[in-house]
Amino acid sequence: MKILYFAWLKSKIGADEEEVSPPAGVSTVSALIDWLVARGPRFADAFEHREVIHVAINQRYAHPGDPVGPDDEVAFFPPIAGG
């Protein structure tokens, strides 16, 4: 699974992307975030306010209960402001 991080998530985690292999039980966006948070303080800090973080799976907006799989590209990004 490829994970992309944008804006302050990238800054807090210290990477803009990574390849990961979550355990088999990680099958939803919410479970993926839980697994990432358990990886250490950088991830826990980045996802501290997960309710404001947006996610896309294979370049389509997704929700916490949506499924994720090993071949997916998952992007996490903060709210987008415009003017």
PDB file of N, CA and C in Angstrom:
ATOM      1  N   MET A   1       0.850  -1.164   0.000  1.00  0.00           N
ATOM      2  CA  MET A   1       0.000   0.000   0.000  1.00  0.00           C
ATOM      3  C   MET A   1       0.898   1.229   0.000  1.00  0.00           C
ATOM      4  N   LYS A   2       0.542   2.179  -0.849  1.00  0.00           N
ATOM      5  CA  LYS A   2       1.283   3.432  -0.894  1.00  0.00           C
ATOM      6  C   LYS A   2       0.472   4.481  -0.145  1.00  0.00           C
ATOM      7  N   ILE A   3       1.132   5.203   0.762  1.00  0.00           N
ATOM      8  CA  ILE A   3       0.472   6.253   1.517  1.00  0.00           C
ATOM      9  C   ILE A   3       1.154   7.579   1.207  1.00  0.00           C
ATOM     10  N   LEU A   4       0.333   8.582   0.927  1.00  0.00           N
ATOM     11  CA  LEU A   4       0.811   9.925   0.644  1.00  0.00           C
ATOM     12  C   LEU A   4       0.352  10.850   1.766  1.00  0.00           C
ATOM     13  N   TYR A   5       1.242  11.747   2.192  1.00  0.00           N
ATOM     14  CA  TYR A   5       0.927  12.721   3.235  1.00  0.00           C
ATOM     15  C   TYR A   5       1.137  14.123   2.660  1.00  0.00           C
ATOM     16  N   PHE A   6       0.203  15.027   2.956  1.00  0.00           N
ATOM     17  CA  PHE A   6       0.280  16.381   2.430  1.00  0.00           C
ATOM     18  C   PHE A   6       0.242  17.413   3.552  1.00  0.00           C
ATOM     19  N   ALA A   7       0.812  18.579   3.259  1.00  0.00           N
ATOM     20  CA  ALA A   7       0.802  19.756   4.135  1.00  0.00           C
ATOM     21  C   ALA A   7       1.358  19.429   5.520  1.00  0.00           C
ATOM     22  N   TRP A   8       0.647  19.808   6.599  1.00  0.00           N
ATOM     23  CA  TRP A   8       1.193  19.628   7.938  1.00  0.00           C
ATOM     24  C   TRP A   8       1.308  18.160   8.326  1.00  0.00           C
ATOM     25  N   LEU A   9       0.551  17.283   7.696  1.00  0.00           N
ATOM     26  CA  LEU A   9       0.731  15.849   7.972  1.00  0.00           C
ATOM     27  C   LEU A   9       2.135  15.421   7.535  1.00  0.00           C
ATOM     28  N   LYS A  10       2.530  15.882   6.368  1.00  0.00           N
ATOM     29  CA  LYS A  10       3.873  15.578   5.851  1.00  0.00           C
ATOM     30  C   LYS A  10       4.935  16.111   6.805  1.00  0.00           C
ATOM     31  N   SER A  11       4.750  17.325   7.292  1.00  0.00           N
ATOM     32  CA  SER A  11       5.718  17.927   8.207  1.00  0.00           C
ATOM     33  C   SER A  11       5.819  17.155   9.515  1.00  0.00           C
ATOM     34  N   LYS A  12       4.690  16.782  10.079  1.00  0.00           N
ATOM     35  CA  LYS A  12       4.699  16.082  11.368  1.00  0.00           C
ATOM     36  C   LYS A  12       5.257  14.667  11.248  1.00  0.00           C
ATOM     37  N   ILE A  13       4.952  13.989  10.153  1.00  0.00           N
ATOM     38  CA  ILE A  13       5.409  12.613   9.977  1.00  0.00           C
ATOM     39  C   ILE A  13       6.854  12.579   9.482  1.00  0.00           C
ATOM     40  N   GLY A  14       7.240  13.595   8.730  1.00  0.00           N
ATOM     41  CA  GLY A  14       8.611  13.657   8.230  1.00  0.00           C
ATOM     42  C   GLY A  14       8.812  12.937   6.912  1.00  0.00           C
ATOM     43  N   ALA A  15       7.725  12.706   6.193  1.00  0.00           N
ATOM     44  CA  ALA A  15       7.803  12.044   4.884  1.00  0.00           C
ATOM     45  C   ALA A  15       6.585  12.451   4.068  1.00  0.00           C
ATOM     46  N   ASP A  16       6.755  12.484   2.756  1.00  0.00           N
ATOM     47  CA  ASP A  16       5.602  12.797   1.922  1.00  0.00           C
ATOM     48  C   ASP A  16       4.919  11.537   1.382  1.00  0.00           C
ATOM     49  N   GLU A  17       5.619  10.421   1.439  1.00  0.00           N
ATOM     50  CA  GLU A  17       5.003   9.154   1.030  1.00  0.00           C
ATOM     51  C   GLU A  17       5.794   7.994   1.596  1.00  0.00           C
ATOM     52  N   GLU A  18       5.129   6.851   1.637  1.00  0.00           N
ATOM     53  CA  GLU A  18       5.792   5.629   2.076  1.00  0.00           C
ATOM     54  C   GLU A  18       5.019   4.419   1.581  1.00  0.00           C
ATOM     55  N   GLU A  19       5.707   3.314   1.464  1.00  0.00           N
ATOM     56  CA  GLU A  19       5.097   2.018   1.156  1.00  0.00           C
ATOM     57  C   GLU A  19       4.977   1.263   2.473  1.00  0.00           C
ATOM     58  N   VAL A  20       3.786   0.760   2.771  1.00  0.00           N
ATOM     59  CA  VAL A  20       3.562   0.036   4.020  1.00  0.00           C
ATOM     60  C   VAL A  20       2.850  -1.274   3.736  1.00  0.00           C
ATOM     61  N   SER A  21       2.960  -2.190   4.683  1.00  0.00           N
ATOM     62  CA  SER A  21       2.253  -3.472   4.621  1.00  0.00           C
ATOM     63  C   SER A  21       1.540  -3.686   5.953  1.00  0.00           C
ATOM     64  N   PRO A  22       0.361  -3.063   6.113  1.00  0.00           N
ATOM     65  CA  PRO A  22      -0.378  -3.244   7.365  1.00  0.00           C
ATOM     66  C   PRO A  22      -0.806  -4.701   7.548  1.00  0.00           C
ATOM     67  N   PRO A  23      -1.064  -5.104   8.784  1.00  0.00           N
ATOM     68  CA  PRO A  23      -1.542  -6.461   9.025  1.00  0.00           C
ATOM     69  C   PRO A  23      -2.909  -6.695   8.377  1.00  0.00           C
ATOM     70  N   ALA A  24      -3.267  -7.938   8.215  1.00  0.00           N
ATOM     71  CA  ALA A  24      -4.503  -8.324   7.520  1.00  0.00           C
ATOM     72  C   ALA A  24      -5.750  -7.687   8.122  1.00  0.00           C
ATOM     73  N   GLY A  25      -5.791  -7.447   9.414  1.00  0.00           N
ATOM     74  CA  GLY A  25      -6.969  -6.884  10.059  1.00  0.00           C
ATOM     75  C   GLY A  25      -7.213  -5.423   9.729  1.00  0.00           C
ATOM     76  N   VAL A  26      -6.254  -4.781   9.084  1.00  0.00           N
ATOM     77  CA  VAL A  26      -6.399  -3.374   8.723  1.00  0.00           C
ATOM     78  C   VAL A  26      -7.079  -3.318   7.350  1.00  0.00           C
ATOM     79  N   SER A  27      -8.397  -3.174   7.384  1.00  0.00           N
ATOM     80  CA  SER A  27      -9.155  -3.262   6.136  1.00  0.00           C
ATOM     81  C   SER A  27     -10.034  -2.047   5.863  1.00  0.00           C
ATOM     82  N   THR A  28     -10.000  -1.042   6.752  1.00  0.00           N
ATOM     83  CA  THR A  28     -10.752   0.194   6.530  1.00  0.00           C
ATOM     84  C   THR A  28      -9.836   1.393   6.756  1.00  0.00           C
ATOM     85  N   VAL A  29     -10.285   2.543   6.304  1.00  0.00           N
ATOM     86  CA  VAL A  29      -9.519   3.776   6.522  1.00  0.00           C
ATOM     87  C   VAL A  29      -9.306   3.998   8.015  1.00  0.00           C
ATOM     88  N   SER A  30     -10.348   3.831   8.804  1.00  0.00           N
ATOM     89  CA  SER A  30     -10.247   4.038  10.252  1.00  0.00           C
ATOM     90  C   SER A  30      -9.220   3.097  10.881  1.00  0.00           C
ATOM     91  N   ALA A  31      -9.251   1.837  10.484  1.00  0.00           N
ATOM     92  CA  ALA A  31      -8.289   0.865  11.017  1.00  0.00           C
ATOM     93  C   ALA A  31      -6.870   1.201  10.565  1.00  0.00           C
ATOM     94  N   LEU A  32      -6.739   1.713   9.349  1.00  0.00           N
ATOM     95  CA  LEU A  32      -5.421   2.117   8.865  1.00  0.00           C
ATOM     96  C   LEU A  32      -4.876   3.262   9.708  1.00  0.00           C
ATOM     97  N   ILE A  33      -5.709   4.236  10.007  1.00  0.00           N
ATOM     98  CA  ILE A  33      -5.265   5.355  10.844  1.00  0.00           C
ATOM     99  C   ILE A  33      -4.885   4.854  12.232  1.00  0.00           C
ATOM    100  N   ASP A  34      -5.687   3.963  12.808  1.00  0.00           N
ATOM    101  CA  ASP A  34      -5.354   3.393  14.123  1.00  0.00           C
ATOM    102  C   ASP A  34      -3.987   2.719  14.080  1.00  0.00           C
ATOM    103  N   TRP A  35      -3.726   1.974  13.030  1.00  0.00           N
ATOM    104  CA  TRP A  35      -2.454   1.268  12.883  1.00  0.00           C
ATOM    105  C   TRP A  35      -1.302   2.258  12.728  1.00  0.00           C
ATOM    106  N   LEU A  36      -1.525   3.309  11.930  1.00  0.00           N
ATOM    107  CA  LEU A  36      -0.484   4.324  11.762  1.00  0.00           C
ATOM    108  C   LEU A  36      -0.177   5.008  13.087  1.00  0.00           C
ATOM    109  N   VAL A  37      -1.204   5.382  13.838  1.00  0.00           N
ATOM    110  CA  VAL A  37      -1.027   6.048  15.135  1.00  0.00           C
ATOM    111  C   VAL A  37      -0.193   5.185  16.078  1.00  0.00           C
ATOM    112  N   ALA A  38      -0.406   3.875  16.033  1.00  0.00           N
ATOM    113  CA  ALA A  38       0.325   2.957  16.904  1.00  0.00           C
ATOM    114  C   ALA A  38       1.799   2.826  16.512  1.00  0.00           C
ATOM    115  N   ARG A  39       2.173   3.353  15.352  1.00  0.00           N
ATOM    116  CA  ARG A  39       3.560   3.249  14.895  1.00  0.00           C
ATOM    117  C   ARG A  39       4.501   4.208  15.611  1.00  0.00           C
ATOM    118  N   GLY A  40       3.959   5.203  16.313  1.00  0.00           N
ATOM    119  CA  GLY A  40       4.857   6.083  17.054  1.00  0.00           C
ATOM    120  C   GLY A  40       4.318   7.483  17.228  1.00  0.00           C
ATOM    121  N   PRO A  41       5.064   8.286  18.006  1.00  0.00           N
ATOM    122  CA  PRO A  41       4.597   9.621  18.365  1.00  0.00           C
ATOM    123  C   PRO A  41       4.412  10.579  17.183  1.00  0.00           C
ATOM    124  N   ARG A  42       5.229  10.458  16.157  1.00  0.00           N
ATOM    125  CA  ARG A  42       5.050  11.342  14.987  1.00  0.00           C
ATOM    126  C   ARG A  42       3.687  11.115  14.352  1.00  0.00           C
ATOM    127  N   PHE A  43       3.307   9.856  14.223  1.00  0.00           N
ATOM    128  CA  PHE A  43       2.015   9.523  13.623  1.00  0.00           C
ATOM    129  C   PHE A  43       0.870   9.892  14.565  1.00  0.00           C
ATOM    130  N   ALA A  44       1.045   9.637  15.850  1.00  0.00           N
ATOM    131  CA  ALA A  44       0.008   9.986  16.835  1.00  0.00           C
ATOM    132  C   ALA A  44      -0.230  11.493  16.813  1.00  0.00           C
ATOM    133  N   ASP A  45       0.840  12.267  16.717  1.00  0.00           N
ATOM    134  CA  ASP A  45       0.704  13.721  16.661  1.00  0.00           C
ATOM    135  C   ASP A  45       0.018  14.150  15.365  1.00  0.00           C
ATOM    136  N   ALA A  46       0.414  13.583  14.254  1.00  0.00           N
ATOM    137  CA  ALA A  46      -0.159  13.958  12.959  1.00  0.00           C
ATOM    138  C   ALA A  46      -1.652  13.665  12.882  1.00  0.00           C
ATOM    139  N   PHE A  47      -2.084  12.559  13.482  1.00  0.00           N
ATOM    140  CA  PHE A  47      -3.485  12.153  13.396  1.00  0.00           C
ATOM    141  C   PHE A  47      -4.276  12.477  14.668  1.00  0.00           C
ATOM    142  N   GLU A  48      -3.723  13.367  15.509  1.00  0.00           N
ATOM    143  CA  GLU A  48      -4.384  13.712  16.766  1.00  0.00           C
ATOM    144  C   GLU A  48      -5.810  14.228  16.537  1.00  0.00           C
ATOM    145  N   HIS A  49      -6.008  14.995  15.491  1.00  0.00           N
ATOM    146  CA  HIS A  49      -7.333  15.535  15.176  1.00  0.00           C
ATOM    147  C   HIS A  49      -7.818  14.912  13.869  1.00  0.00           C
ATOM    148  N   ARG A  50      -7.958  13.610  13.886  1.00  0.00           N
ATOM    149  CA  ARG A  50      -8.295  12.881  12.661  1.00  0.00           C
ATOM    150  C   ARG A  50      -9.620  13.298  12.061  1.00  0.00           C
ATOM    151  N   GLU A  51     -10.493  13.910  12.874  1.00  0.00           N
ATOM    152  CA  GLU A  51     -11.809  14.308  12.350  1.00  0.00           C
ATOM    153  C   GLU A  51     -11.702  15.416  11.296  1.00  0.00           C
ATOM    154  N   VAL A  52     -10.592  16.135  11.238  1.00  0.00           N
ATOM    155  CA  VAL A  52     -10.438  17.187  10.232  1.00  0.00           C
ATOM    156  C   VAL A  52      -9.618  16.722   9.026  1.00  0.00           C
ATOM    157  N   ILE A  53      -9.055  15.541   9.102  1.00  0.00           N
ATOM    158  CA  ILE A  53      -8.205  15.040   8.023  1.00  0.00           C
ATOM    159  C   ILE A  53      -9.069  14.388   6.948  1.00  0.00           C
ATOM    160  N   HIS A  54      -8.774  14.755   5.712  1.00  0.00           N
ATOM    161  CA  HIS A  54      -9.461  14.153   4.571  1.00  0.00           C
ATOM    162  C   HIS A  54      -8.614  12.996   4.041  1.00  0.00           C
ATOM    163  N   VAL A  55      -9.287  12.080   3.372  1.00  0.00           N
ATOM    164  CA  VAL A  55      -8.583  10.922   2.821  1.00  0.00           C
ATOM    165  C   VAL A  55      -9.114  10.632   1.422  1.00  0.00           C
ATOM    166  N   ALA A  56      -8.213  10.168   0.584  1.00  0.00           N
ATOM    167  CA  ALA A  56      -8.596   9.709  -0.753  1.00  0.00           C
ATOM    168  C   ALA A  56      -7.971   8.336  -0.968  1.00  0.00           C
ATOM    169  N   ILE A  57      -8.738   7.458  -1.565  1.00  0.00           N
ATOM    170  CA  ILE A  57      -8.244   6.134  -1.941  1.00  0.00           C
ATOM    171  C   ILE A  57      -8.248   6.088  -3.461  1.00  0.00           C
ATOM    172  N   ASN A  58      -7.084   5.855  -4.021  1.00  0.00           N
ATOM    173  CA  ASN A  58      -6.932   5.819  -5.475  1.00  0.00           C
ATOM    174  C   ASN A  58      -7.534   7.059  -6.123  1.00  0.00           C
ATOM    175  N   GLN A  59      -7.244   8.208  -5.509  1.00  0.00           N
ATOM    176  CA  GLN A  59      -7.615   9.531  -5.990  1.00  0.00           C
ATOM    177  C   GLN A  59      -9.118   9.803  -5.973  1.00  0.00           C
ATOM    178  N   ARG A  60      -9.840   9.116  -5.075  1.00  0.00           N
ATOM    179  CA  ARG A  60     -11.270   9.376  -4.858  1.00  0.00           C
ATOM    180  C   ARG A  60     -11.484   9.596  -3.378  1.00  0.00           C
ATOM    181  N   TYR A  61     -12.238  10.648  -3.052  1.00  0.00           N
ATOM    182  CA  TYR A  61     -12.521  10.913  -1.644  1.00  0.00           C
ATOM    183  C   TYR A  61     -13.086   9.672  -0.972  1.00  0.00           C
ATOM    184  N   ALA A  62     -12.693   9.467   0.280  1.00  0.00           N
ATOM    185  CA  ALA A  62     -13.131   8.290   1.026  1.00  0.00           C
ATOM    186  C   ALA A  62     -13.549   8.697   2.438  1.00  0.00           C
ATOM    187  N   HIS A  63     -14.175   7.751   3.125  1.00  0.00           N
ATOM    188  CA  HIS A  63     -14.668   7.947   4.487  1.00  0.00           C
ATOM    189  C   HIS A  63     -14.028   6.919   5.412  1.00  0.00           C
ATOM    190  N   PRO A  64     -14.110   7.144   6.748  1.00  0.00           N
ATOM    191  CA  PRO A  64     -13.450   6.237   7.705  1.00  0.00           C
ATOM    192  C   PRO A  64     -13.814   4.761   7.543  1.00  0.00           C
ATOM    193  N   GLY A  65     -15.027   4.452   7.178  1.00  0.00           N
ATOM    194  CA  GLY A  65     -15.431   3.051   7.055  1.00  0.00           C
ATOM    195  C   GLY A  65     -15.147   2.423   5.710  1.00  0.00           C
ATOM    196  N   ASP A  66     -14.624   3.200   4.764  1.00  0.00           N
ATOM    197  CA  ASP A  66     -14.354   2.665   3.429  1.00  0.00           C
ATOM    198  C   ASP A  66     -13.206   1.658   3.463  1.00  0.00           C
ATOM    199  N   PRO A  67     -13.292   0.630   2.624  1.00  0.00           N
ATOM    200  CA  PRO A  67     -12.251  -0.411   2.621  1.00  0.00           C
ATOM    201  C   PRO A  67     -10.953   0.060   1.968  1.00  0.00           C
ATOM    202  N   VAL A  68      -9.841  -0.484   2.475  1.00  0.00           N
ATOM    203  CA  VAL A  68      -8.519  -0.272   1.877  1.00  0.00           C
ATOM    204  C   VAL A  68      -7.863  -1.633   1.693  1.00  0.00           C
ATOM    205  N   GLY A  69      -7.024  -1.723   0.680  1.00  0.00           N
ATOM    206  CA  GLY A  69      -6.338  -2.979   0.413  1.00  0.00           C
ATOM    207  C   GLY A  69      -4.884  -2.760   0.082  1.00  0.00           C
ATOM    208  N   PRO A  70      -4.135  -3.829  -0.056  1.00  0.00           N
ATOM    209  CA  PRO A  70      -2.685  -3.743  -0.242  1.00  0.00           C
ATOM    210  C   PRO A  70      -2.254  -3.050  -1.536  1.00  0.00           C
ATOM    211  N   ASP A  71      -3.107  -2.998  -2.542  1.00  0.00           N
ATOM    212  CA  ASP A  71      -2.734  -2.366  -3.807  1.00  0.00           C
ATOM    213  C   ASP A  71      -3.219  -0.931  -3.930  1.00  0.00           C
ATOM    214  N   ASP A  72      -3.802  -0.386  -2.860  1.00  0.00           N
ATOM    215  CA  ASP A  72      -4.360   0.959  -2.911  1.00  0.00           C
ATOM    216  C   ASP A  72      -3.312   2.039  -2.665  1.00  0.00           C
ATOM    217  N   GLU A  73      -3.616   3.221  -3.200  1.00  0.00           N
ATOM    218  CA  GLU A  73      -2.877   4.432  -2.876  1.00  0.00           C
ATOM    219  C   GLU A  73      -3.799   5.245  -1.974  1.00  0.00           C
ATOM    220  N   VAL A  74      -3.340   5.549  -0.771  1.00  0.00           N
ATOM    221  CA  VAL A  74      -4.149   6.271   0.208  1.00  0.00           C
ATOM    222  C   VAL A  74      -3.464   7.606   0.485  1.00  0.00           C
ATOM    223  N   ALA A  75      -4.214   8.694   0.305  1.00  0.00           N
ATOM    224  CA  ALA A  75      -3.668  10.031   0.539  1.00  0.00           C
ATOM    225  C   ALA A  75      -4.386  10.672   1.708  1.00  0.00           C
ATOM    226  N   PHE A  76      -3.609  11.265   2.615  1.00  0.00           N
ATOM    227  CA  PHE A  76      -4.143  11.994   3.753  1.00  0.00           C
ATOM    228  C   PHE A  76      -3.783  13.459   3.596  1.00  0.00           C
ATOM    229  N   PHE A  77      -4.783  14.334   3.797  1.00  0.00           N
ATOM    230  CA  PHE A  77      -4.524  15.763   3.646  1.00  0.00           C
ATOM    231  C   PHE A  77      -5.470  16.566   4.518  1.00  0.00           C
ATOM    232  N   PRO A  78      -5.038  17.760   4.912  1.00  0.00           N
ATOM    233  CA  PRO A  78      -5.870  18.617   5.750  1.00  0.00           C
ATOM    234  C   PRO A  78      -6.984  19.256   4.929  1.00  0.00           C
ATOM    235  N   PRO A  79      -7.910  19.930   5.600  1.00  0.00           N
ATOM    236  CA  PRO A  79      -8.956  20.641   4.846  1.00  0.00           C
ATOM    237  C   PRO A  79      -8.326  21.629   3.874  1.00  0.00           C
ATOM    238  N   ILE A  80      -8.970  21.777   2.739  1.00  0.00           N
ATOM    239  CA  ILE A  80      -8.456  22.667   1.704  1.00  0.00           C
ATOM    240  C   ILE A  80      -9.224  23.977   1.792  1.00  0.00           C
ATOM    241  N   ALA A  81      -8.494  25.055   1.932  1.00  0.00           N
ATOM    242  CA  ALA A  81      -9.106  26.382   1.977  1.00  0.00           C
ATOM    243  C   ALA A  81      -8.949  27.048   0.625  1.00  0.00           C
ATOM    244  N   GLY A  82      -9.905  27.811   0.283  1.00  0.00           N
ATOM    245  CA  GLY A  82      -9.825  28.509  -0.998  1.00  0.00           C
ATOM    246  C   GLY A  82     -10.392  29.901  -0.885  1.00  0.00           C
ATOM    247  N   GLY A  83     -10.245  30.628  -1.927  1.00  0.00           N
ATOM    248  CA  GLY A  83     -10.751  31.981  -1.869  1.00  0.00           C
ATOM    249  C   GLY A  83     -11.132  32.491  -3.218  1.00  0.00           C
TER     250      GLY A  83
END
